Protein backbone atom coordinates (compact mmCIF):
# COMPACT_ATOMS: atom_id res chain seq x y z
CA MET A 1 -194.45 9.83 12.66
CA ALA A 2 -198.05 8.70 12.92
CA LEU A 3 -198.89 11.35 15.51
CA ARG A 4 -197.25 13.97 13.36
CA ASP A 5 -199.21 12.92 10.32
CA LEU A 6 -202.51 12.87 12.28
CA LEU A 7 -201.81 16.41 13.61
CA ASN A 8 -200.94 17.60 10.11
CA ARG A 9 -204.28 16.19 8.96
CA ALA A 10 -206.05 18.07 11.80
CA LYS A 11 -204.30 21.24 10.78
CA GLU A 12 -205.33 20.75 7.12
CA LEU A 13 -209.01 20.17 8.09
CA ALA A 14 -208.95 23.29 10.35
CA LYS A 15 -207.82 25.24 7.25
CA HIS A 16 -210.46 23.56 5.09
CA ILE A 17 -213.15 24.49 7.64
CA SER A 18 -211.86 28.00 8.01
CA GLU A 19 -212.42 28.69 4.29
CA VAL A 20 -216.17 28.63 4.66
CA ASP A 21 -218.66 31.31 5.62
CA GLU A 22 -221.11 29.17 7.57
CA ALA A 23 -221.18 25.61 8.78
CA LEU A 24 -223.61 22.98 10.04
CA VAL A 25 -222.29 20.69 12.85
CA VAL A 26 -223.94 17.30 12.78
CA THR A 27 -223.24 15.07 15.77
CA HIS A 28 -224.30 12.00 17.75
CA ILE A 29 -226.63 11.94 20.69
CA ASP A 30 -224.50 10.70 23.55
CA ALA A 31 -221.95 12.31 25.91
CA ASP A 32 -219.06 11.93 23.43
CA GLY A 33 -221.24 13.31 20.65
CA ILE A 34 -222.59 16.21 22.63
CA THR A 35 -219.16 17.33 23.81
CA ALA A 36 -217.74 16.87 20.34
CA GLY A 37 -220.56 19.01 18.81
CA ALA A 38 -220.12 21.64 21.58
CA ILE A 39 -216.35 21.85 20.85
CA ALA A 40 -216.92 22.25 17.13
CA LEU A 41 -219.63 24.82 17.60
CA GLN A 42 -217.63 26.90 20.06
CA ALA A 43 -214.51 26.81 17.90
CA LEU A 44 -216.58 28.08 14.96
CA GLU A 45 -218.37 30.77 16.97
CA ARG A 46 -215.12 32.04 18.46
CA ALA A 47 -213.69 32.31 14.94
CA GLY A 48 -216.64 34.35 13.86
CA PHE A 49 -218.45 31.83 11.66
CA GLU A 50 -222.16 31.43 11.31
CA SER A 51 -222.99 27.98 12.60
CA ASP A 52 -225.76 25.67 13.67
CA ILE A 53 -226.01 22.10 15.06
CA VAL A 54 -228.11 19.07 14.37
CA PHE A 55 -228.20 15.97 16.58
CA VAL A 56 -228.95 12.60 14.99
CA LYS A 57 -229.38 9.16 16.55
CA GLN A 58 -227.91 7.53 13.46
CA LEU A 59 -226.62 8.91 10.19
CA ASP A 60 -228.94 7.06 7.79
CA GLU A 61 -229.89 8.00 4.22
CA GLU A 62 -232.93 10.00 5.26
CA ASN A 63 -230.89 12.16 7.66
CA ILE A 64 -228.12 12.59 5.08
CA GLU A 65 -230.70 13.77 2.50
CA LYS A 66 -231.90 16.44 4.96
CA ILE A 67 -228.38 17.56 5.68
CA ALA A 68 -227.59 17.80 1.95
CA ASP A 69 -230.70 19.96 1.43
CA HIS A 70 -229.48 22.36 4.13
CA GLY A 71 -226.83 23.51 1.66
CA SER A 72 -224.17 24.51 4.25
CA PHE A 73 -220.65 23.16 4.78
CA VAL A 74 -221.02 20.23 7.21
CA TRP A 75 -218.78 19.23 10.05
CA PHE A 76 -219.62 15.66 11.15
CA THR A 77 -218.45 14.95 14.71
CA ASP A 78 -218.49 11.50 16.39
CA LEU A 79 -219.98 10.03 13.29
CA GLY A 80 -219.64 10.01 9.53
CA SER A 81 -216.72 7.65 8.92
CA GLY A 82 -218.98 4.66 8.77
CA GLN A 83 -221.34 6.42 6.30
CA LEU A 84 -218.88 7.79 3.76
CA ASP A 85 -220.69 5.94 1.00
CA LEU A 86 -223.90 7.80 1.71
CA ILE A 87 -222.14 11.11 2.18
CA LYS A 88 -220.56 10.70 -1.24
CA LYS A 89 -223.71 9.49 -2.78
CA HIS A 90 -225.43 12.78 -1.81
CA GLY A 91 -222.56 14.97 -2.90
CA ILE A 92 -221.58 16.34 0.51
CA HIS A 93 -218.03 14.93 0.46
CA SER A 94 -216.30 18.02 -1.04
CA GLN A 95 -218.01 20.37 1.37
CA CYS A 96 -217.60 18.58 4.64
CA ALA A 97 -215.15 17.63 7.37
CA ILE A 98 -215.35 14.50 9.57
CA SER A 99 -213.92 14.11 13.05
CA ASP A 100 -214.81 10.59 14.08
CA HIS A 101 -213.28 7.62 15.90
CA HIS A 102 -215.41 4.76 14.72
CA VAL A 103 -214.07 2.30 12.22
CA PRO A 104 -214.04 4.12 8.79
CA LEU A 105 -215.15 2.60 5.53
CA GLU A 106 -212.02 4.07 3.91
CA ASN A 107 -209.42 6.73 4.20
CA PHE A 108 -210.76 10.09 3.14
CA GLN A 109 -209.13 13.45 2.49
CA PHE A 110 -211.47 15.48 4.67
CA GLN A 111 -211.53 13.06 7.57
CA LEU A 112 -209.68 12.87 10.88
CA ASN A 113 -209.96 9.36 12.23
CA PRO A 114 -207.42 7.61 14.46
CA HIS A 115 -207.81 4.35 12.60
CA ASP A 116 -206.39 5.93 9.48
CA PHE A 117 -203.11 6.59 11.31
CA GLY A 118 -202.82 3.25 13.10
CA PHE A 119 -204.39 4.23 16.37
CA ASP A 120 -207.40 2.52 18.11
CA GLY A 121 -210.56 4.69 18.21
CA SER A 122 -211.95 2.52 21.01
CA THR A 123 -209.26 3.51 23.48
CA GLU A 124 -206.91 6.16 22.09
CA LEU A 125 -209.20 8.93 20.75
CA SER A 126 -212.91 9.55 21.20
CA GLY A 127 -215.21 11.65 19.00
CA ALA A 128 -214.68 14.65 21.26
CA THR A 129 -210.94 14.35 21.51
CA THR A 130 -210.65 13.85 17.77
CA THR A 131 -212.77 16.90 17.23
CA TYR A 132 -210.64 18.96 19.66
CA LEU A 133 -207.52 18.19 17.64
CA ILE A 134 -209.11 20.13 14.77
CA ALA A 135 -210.56 22.86 16.94
CA ARG A 136 -207.17 23.66 18.51
CA TYR A 137 -206.04 24.88 15.01
CA ILE A 138 -209.10 27.05 14.31
CA GLY A 139 -208.73 30.83 15.03
CA PHE A 140 -205.75 32.21 16.92
CA VAL A 141 -203.17 29.85 18.41
CA GLY A 142 -204.22 28.84 21.94
CA THR A 143 -207.75 30.23 21.68
CA ASN A 144 -209.44 26.87 22.14
CA LEU A 145 -207.06 25.15 24.58
CA ASP A 146 -209.76 25.34 27.33
CA LEU A 147 -211.92 23.03 25.21
CA SER A 148 -209.51 20.29 25.95
CA ALA A 149 -211.18 19.68 29.36
CA LEU A 150 -214.61 19.28 27.64
CA SER A 151 -213.08 16.71 25.21
CA VAL A 152 -211.86 14.69 28.22
CA VAL A 153 -215.43 14.61 29.48
CA GLY A 154 -216.39 13.13 26.11
CA ALA A 155 -213.60 10.51 26.18
CA VAL A 156 -214.55 9.40 29.70
CA GLY A 157 -218.21 9.32 28.58
CA ASP A 158 -217.11 7.01 25.77
CA LEU A 159 -215.50 4.77 28.54
CA GLN A 160 -212.00 5.19 26.95
CA ASP A 161 -210.44 5.05 30.47
CA SER A 162 -212.30 1.95 31.49
CA ARG A 163 -209.75 -0.69 30.33
CA THR A 164 -206.79 0.51 32.34
CA GLY A 165 -208.35 2.97 34.76
CA ARG A 166 -206.83 5.98 32.88
CA LEU A 167 -207.02 7.61 29.49
CA GLU A 168 -204.53 6.10 27.02
CA GLY A 169 -202.88 6.89 23.72
CA LEU A 170 -203.56 10.23 22.02
CA ASN A 171 -206.09 11.09 24.76
CA ARG A 172 -203.14 11.60 27.09
CA PHE A 173 -201.71 14.23 24.64
CA ILE A 174 -204.96 16.23 25.07
CA LEU A 175 -205.15 15.49 28.76
CA LYS A 176 -201.73 17.14 29.25
CA GLU A 177 -202.99 20.29 27.40
CA ALA A 178 -206.03 20.38 29.68
CA VAL A 179 -203.71 20.20 32.77
CA SER A 180 -201.27 22.75 31.35
CA CYS A 181 -203.96 25.37 30.78
CA LYS A 182 -205.32 24.71 34.36
CA ALA A 183 -208.69 23.57 33.16
CA LEU A 184 -208.39 20.18 34.73
CA THR A 185 -206.38 18.15 37.26
CA VAL A 186 -205.73 14.43 37.49
CA GLU A 187 -206.09 12.62 40.80
CA ARG A 188 -205.58 9.04 41.70
CA ASP A 189 -208.69 7.94 43.51
CA LEU A 190 -211.50 5.45 43.75
CA ARG A 191 -213.19 5.13 40.35
CA PHE A 192 -216.84 4.87 41.54
CA PHE A 193 -219.62 7.10 40.30
CA GLY A 194 -220.99 9.62 42.73
CA LYS A 195 -217.86 10.76 44.67
CA GLN A 196 -218.92 14.39 44.34
CA THR A 197 -222.68 14.20 44.61
CA ARG A 198 -223.75 11.18 46.60
CA PRO A 199 -223.48 10.35 50.35
CA VAL A 200 -220.73 7.76 50.65
CA TYR A 201 -223.19 4.93 51.60
CA LYS A 202 -225.30 5.74 48.58
CA MET A 203 -222.21 5.78 46.22
CA LEU A 204 -221.39 2.26 47.49
CA GLU A 205 -225.02 1.06 47.28
CA TYR A 206 -225.33 2.11 43.65
CA THR A 207 -222.01 0.72 42.55
CA PHE A 208 -222.53 -2.29 40.25
CA ASP A 209 -219.31 -2.20 38.25
CA PRO A 210 -217.67 -3.99 39.96
CA TYR A 211 -220.51 -5.81 41.75
CA LEU A 212 -219.89 -5.70 45.53
CA PRO A 213 -221.69 -8.64 47.13
CA GLY A 214 -223.71 -7.58 50.10
CA ILE A 215 -223.23 -3.89 49.31
CA SER A 216 -224.36 -3.26 45.74
CA GLY A 217 -228.04 -2.59 45.84
CA ASN A 218 -228.05 -3.06 49.58
CA GLU A 219 -228.36 0.16 51.56
CA LYS A 220 -228.09 -1.54 54.93
CA GLY A 221 -224.94 -3.43 53.76
CA ALA A 222 -223.31 -0.27 52.57
CA ILE A 223 -224.03 1.56 55.87
CA GLU A 224 -222.74 -1.38 57.94
CA LEU A 225 -219.46 -1.55 55.98
CA LEU A 226 -218.79 2.14 56.73
CA THR A 227 -219.78 2.00 60.39
CA SER A 228 -217.74 -1.15 60.98
CA LEU A 229 -214.71 0.93 59.88
CA GLY A 230 -215.56 3.73 62.31
CA ILE A 231 -216.46 6.13 59.56
CA ASP A 232 -219.08 8.76 60.46
CA LEU A 233 -221.88 8.98 57.88
CA LYS A 234 -222.64 12.61 58.82
CA GLU A 235 -220.73 15.68 59.84
CA ASN A 236 -222.60 18.53 61.54
CA GLY A 237 -225.86 17.01 60.38
CA THR A 238 -224.90 16.74 56.75
CA TRP A 239 -224.28 13.56 54.87
CA ARG A 240 -220.63 13.04 54.03
CA HIS A 241 -219.59 12.46 50.43
CA TRP A 242 -216.46 10.68 49.30
CA ILE A 243 -214.74 14.03 48.73
CA HIS A 244 -215.27 14.84 52.39
CA LEU A 245 -213.44 11.84 53.73
CA SER A 246 -209.83 12.06 54.94
CA ARG A 247 -207.08 10.16 53.11
CA GLU A 248 -206.93 7.64 55.92
CA GLU A 249 -210.68 7.06 55.79
CA LYS A 250 -210.51 6.53 52.04
CA LYS A 251 -207.69 4.03 52.46
CA LEU A 252 -209.79 2.06 55.01
CA VAL A 253 -212.81 1.89 52.65
CA ILE A 254 -210.77 0.90 49.57
CA SER A 255 -208.97 -1.80 51.59
CA GLU A 256 -212.29 -3.19 52.78
CA ILE A 257 -213.73 -3.16 49.22
CA ILE A 258 -210.73 -5.07 47.99
CA LYS A 259 -211.26 -7.68 50.70
CA VAL A 260 -214.88 -8.08 49.67
CA LEU A 261 -213.88 -8.52 46.03
CA VAL A 262 -211.01 -10.96 46.81
CA GLY A 263 -213.33 -12.95 49.10
CA ASN A 264 -215.81 -13.37 46.27
CA GLY A 265 -213.31 -14.48 43.67
CA ALA A 266 -213.03 -11.22 41.66
CA SER A 267 -210.25 -11.20 39.02
CA VAL A 268 -207.03 -9.29 39.52
CA ARG A 269 -207.98 -6.96 36.72
CA THR A 270 -211.28 -6.14 38.34
CA ILE A 271 -209.57 -5.26 41.61
CA GLU A 272 -206.93 -3.22 39.88
CA ARG A 273 -209.57 -1.15 38.14
CA ILE A 274 -211.30 0.26 41.26
CA VAL A 275 -208.58 2.75 41.76
CA GLY A 276 -207.19 4.87 38.97
CA GLU A 277 -207.21 8.32 37.46
CA THR A 278 -210.07 10.70 37.97
CA TYR A 279 -210.40 13.96 36.13
CA ILE A 280 -211.48 17.04 38.01
CA LEU A 281 -212.62 20.16 36.10
CA LEU A 282 -211.14 23.04 38.16
CA ASN A 283 -213.49 25.62 36.82
CA GLU A 284 -216.62 23.82 38.05
CA GLU A 285 -218.07 23.96 41.59
CA GLU A 286 -217.00 21.23 43.97
CA GLY A 287 -219.82 18.82 44.90
CA THR A 288 -221.66 19.29 41.62
CA GLU A 289 -222.14 16.83 38.73
CA LEU A 290 -219.82 18.93 36.59
CA ARG A 291 -216.74 18.75 38.81
CA ASP A 292 -215.85 15.13 37.96
CA ALA A 293 -215.56 14.15 34.28
CA MET A 294 -217.30 10.81 34.96
CA GLU A 295 -220.33 12.46 36.52
CA PHE A 296 -220.36 15.25 33.93
CA SER A 297 -220.52 12.67 31.12
CA THR A 298 -223.29 10.82 32.89
CA LEU A 299 -225.31 14.05 33.20
CA LEU A 300 -224.89 14.58 29.42
CA ASN A 301 -225.94 11.02 28.67
CA ALA A 302 -229.03 11.56 30.80
CA THR A 303 -230.11 14.47 28.57
CA ALA A 304 -229.36 12.72 25.23
CA ARG A 305 -231.00 9.42 26.06
CA TYR A 306 -234.42 11.11 26.50
CA GLY A 307 -234.28 13.45 23.53
CA TYR A 308 -233.11 16.55 25.37
CA GLU A 309 -229.60 16.67 23.93
CA GLU A 310 -229.99 20.43 23.43
CA ILE A 311 -230.09 20.80 27.24
CA GLY A 312 -226.79 18.93 27.45
CA LEU A 313 -225.36 21.14 24.73
CA LYS A 314 -226.33 24.29 26.61
CA VAL A 315 -224.57 22.95 29.73
CA CYS A 316 -221.45 22.31 27.63
CA MET A 317 -221.66 25.81 26.29
CA GLY A 318 -221.67 27.25 29.81
CA ASP A 319 -225.29 27.55 30.96
CA ARG A 320 -225.22 26.97 34.73
CA GLY A 321 -228.84 28.19 35.24
CA ASP A 322 -231.97 26.65 33.83
CA ALA A 323 -230.21 24.16 31.56
CA LEU A 324 -228.19 22.68 34.42
CA LYS A 325 -231.34 22.48 36.56
CA GLU A 326 -233.14 20.58 33.76
CA ALA A 327 -230.17 18.30 33.17
CA THR A 328 -229.99 17.38 36.87
CA MET A 329 -233.70 16.52 36.87
CA LEU A 330 -233.15 14.34 33.79
CA LEU A 331 -230.26 12.60 35.57
CA ARG A 332 -232.45 11.68 38.52
CA ASN A 333 -234.98 10.23 36.15
CA HIS A 334 -232.20 8.44 34.25
CA ARG A 335 -231.01 6.77 37.42
CA ARG A 336 -234.49 5.59 38.27
CA ASN A 337 -234.97 4.15 34.71
CA LEU A 338 -231.63 2.24 34.92
CA SER A 339 -232.65 0.79 38.25
CA ASP A 340 -235.98 -0.26 36.82
CA GLY A 341 -234.25 -1.70 33.79
CA LEU A 342 -232.01 -3.89 35.91
CA LYS A 343 -235.02 -5.12 37.84
CA LEU A 344 -236.74 -5.99 34.51
CA VAL A 345 -233.72 -8.02 33.39
CA ASP A 346 -233.86 -9.90 36.68
CA GLU A 347 -237.55 -10.68 36.07
CA ILE A 348 -237.29 -11.78 32.41
CA GLY A 349 -233.96 -13.52 32.84
CA MET A 350 -230.88 -13.73 30.70
CA ASN A 351 -230.91 -16.40 27.89
CA GLU A 352 -227.64 -18.14 26.99
CA LEU A 353 -226.44 -19.52 23.67
CA GLU A 354 -223.07 -21.18 23.14
CA ASN A 355 -221.06 -17.93 22.85
CA ILE A 356 -223.45 -15.12 23.80
CA GLN A 357 -226.18 -14.28 26.25
CA TYR A 358 -229.15 -11.98 25.55
CA PHE A 359 -232.37 -10.47 26.79
CA HIS A 360 -235.27 -8.88 24.91
CA ALA A 361 -236.76 -5.88 26.65
CA GLY A 362 -239.45 -5.21 24.03
CA ASN A 363 -240.82 -1.76 24.76
CA MET A 364 -240.16 -2.04 28.44
CA ILE A 365 -236.71 -0.37 28.27
CA LEU A 366 -235.98 2.62 26.11
CA ASP A 367 -233.79 1.79 23.15
CA THR A 368 -231.55 4.70 24.08
CA ILE A 369 -230.60 3.20 27.50
CA VAL A 370 -230.88 -0.54 26.89
CA GLY A 371 -227.13 -0.65 26.16
CA ILE A 372 -226.32 0.86 29.50
CA VAL A 373 -228.57 -1.66 31.24
CA ALA A 374 -226.81 -4.40 29.29
CA GLY A 375 -223.44 -3.28 30.58
CA MET A 376 -224.65 -3.10 34.15
CA SER A 377 -226.11 -6.53 33.87
CA PHE A 378 -222.63 -8.09 33.92
CA SER A 379 -222.89 -7.61 37.68
CA LYS A 380 -225.02 -10.74 37.78
CA ALA A 381 -224.52 -12.29 34.35
CA ASN A 382 -221.97 -14.67 32.86
CA LEU A 383 -218.69 -12.74 32.48
CA ASN A 384 -217.49 -15.16 29.79
CA LYS A 385 -220.06 -14.21 27.18
CA PRO A 386 -221.02 -10.80 25.57
CA ILE A 387 -224.45 -9.50 26.47
CA ILE A 388 -226.84 -8.72 23.66
CA ALA A 389 -229.89 -6.59 24.47
CA PHE A 390 -232.93 -6.02 22.23
CA ALA A 391 -235.45 -3.13 22.50
CA GLU A 392 -238.19 -1.94 20.16
CA ASN A 393 -237.88 1.43 18.45
CA GLU A 394 -239.51 3.24 15.50
CA ASP A 395 -236.99 1.73 13.06
CA GLY A 396 -237.52 -1.87 14.15
CA ILE A 397 -235.32 -3.54 16.79
CA LYS A 398 -232.43 -1.73 18.35
CA VAL A 399 -229.58 -4.15 19.35
CA SER A 400 -227.03 -3.14 21.98
CA ALA A 401 -224.07 -5.37 22.70
CA ARG A 402 -221.52 -5.19 25.55
CA ALA A 403 -218.40 -7.22 26.27
CA THR A 404 -215.83 -7.23 29.01
CA GLN A 405 -212.28 -6.16 28.48
CA ARG A 406 -211.24 -9.81 29.09
CA LEU A 407 -213.40 -10.88 26.21
CA VAL A 408 -211.89 -8.26 23.95
CA GLU A 409 -208.51 -9.45 24.86
CA LYS A 410 -209.58 -12.96 23.91
CA GLY A 411 -210.56 -11.83 20.38
CA VAL A 412 -214.15 -10.48 20.60
CA HIS A 413 -214.77 -7.48 18.42
CA LEU A 414 -218.41 -6.57 18.76
CA ALA A 415 -218.51 -3.84 16.09
CA GLU A 416 -217.33 -6.20 13.42
CA ALA A 417 -219.59 -9.04 14.63
CA LEU A 418 -222.71 -6.88 14.79
CA ARG A 419 -222.02 -5.32 11.37
CA ILE A 420 -221.83 -8.69 9.72
CA ALA A 421 -224.77 -10.30 11.58
CA ALA A 422 -226.98 -7.26 11.03
CA GLU A 423 -226.25 -7.09 7.31
CA LYS A 424 -227.24 -10.83 7.04
CA VAL A 425 -230.72 -9.99 8.23
CA GLY A 426 -231.16 -6.70 6.40
CA GLY A 427 -229.94 -4.36 9.11
CA LYS A 428 -226.88 -2.20 9.90
CA GLY A 429 -224.52 -2.15 12.76
CA GLY A 430 -221.14 -0.94 14.09
CA GLY A 431 -219.42 0.70 17.02
CA HIS A 432 -216.36 -0.47 19.03
CA SER A 433 -214.79 -3.76 20.03
CA ILE A 434 -216.19 -3.61 23.60
CA ALA A 435 -219.48 -1.90 22.90
CA ALA A 436 -221.52 -1.84 19.62
CA GLY A 437 -225.07 -1.40 18.31
CA ALA A 438 -227.28 -2.30 15.38
CA THR A 439 -230.75 -1.86 13.97
CA ILE A 440 -232.43 -4.92 12.51
CA PRO A 441 -236.01 -5.61 11.21
CA LYS A 442 -238.58 -6.71 13.72
CA GLY A 443 -238.97 -10.47 13.68
CA SER A 444 -235.35 -11.10 12.64
CA GLU A 445 -233.97 -11.49 16.18
CA ASP A 446 -233.61 -15.28 16.16
CA ALA A 447 -231.83 -15.30 12.77
CA PHE A 448 -229.61 -12.45 13.99
CA LEU A 449 -228.70 -14.27 17.15
CA LYS A 450 -227.81 -17.47 15.28
CA GLU A 451 -225.42 -15.50 12.94
CA LEU A 452 -223.94 -13.58 15.85
CA ASP A 453 -223.33 -16.58 18.02
CA GLY A 454 -221.42 -18.19 15.23
CA ILE A 455 -219.30 -15.09 14.52
CA ILE A 456 -218.43 -14.53 18.18
CA GLY A 457 -217.50 -18.19 18.47
CA ALA A 458 -215.15 -17.86 15.53
CA GLN A 459 -213.58 -14.74 17.01
CA LEU A 460 -212.90 -16.56 20.27
CA ARG A 461 -211.36 -19.59 18.46
CA ASN A 462 -208.97 -17.49 16.30
């Protein structure tokens, strides 16, 4: 019943959108937001509508004022549900559609949000997959089915497959459509980044989730693991990637990784997560960043985090020339910055309070990537406390918070906690249970931490 109601709402919104002459797509600057925006833009263009797109880091009053001045019908993707008050204040609510998966302020006639129908926007629908559900009803039936594969990239970029090693909930409904139209295939495989594009030893060396003692960050250790198993690093003078290994060779490596994890006390859940579903885009060239949904989403994040989201959009829209080259260069730079960020956290150290741990990067880590660095820092930090990261930006202090799935299962809900704590110090926050963000005034960090530590403690006790 809930699924039917949600799809009926999607159909109604598609009709609502189809009644306009031109539209402005407003979307978020991350992989989920870029793919959501690209899906909306392509659906509109295919149906013959005049359309444009605007990317925003956050949908604050200043941005909403500019959007209202534009005068067009607005399709908000991967944002909007948490800003319904501002959207209504500026009179856009009757001339807009929202496809978002973040916790909404309220149910709204022109909004498609999984939370309104009893589904979890953290794990069952992302911004891109929610947007796709509307796009599939725009234009002729079946016209936009191919966009389902791009929406899967967005869901993976939003880490919606991280809890169980596969996409869950309504995401699977869309996954099946992507498979049925032969845009994507599902394979059970190792869930490490770089299977398509990195030499196997480099893939292992740069794996920090999970952290592999003696291998993660250790080129020599990664090479020794492979050679000890009799696996050739090269073939005909060319470095072998994971996709080049035989089934038996893959089994040997996975078995050895499990031994390493067991020997170092890794949890059963951590071990279970290393193998799961991987999503292969059949229309993309093998061995490229676009072939695997995980790598594709990381490529998009690398454009967005540095203010080049338009490059990511062009790749999503099909540019395999200059835009892809630029995106690949940005990805290489992104990897270097993440590595430098981890080194900085090692240098400045992680501070612990009763229920949380934190670090303050100042202006040494970009506010757009500090959340990623925070998540990667679990490789060496306390797994029993959420990580809170601070970084300076033009609006004050950006807060990024990350938890583990185990903490979420014990009651931690970062979006709720950050929203309350941020408001206490004059800021604003939101997001998901496992990952959330906020912006607070500079100088309010200590007060914010005190509030947040108490809220997280209460969540864990309930």
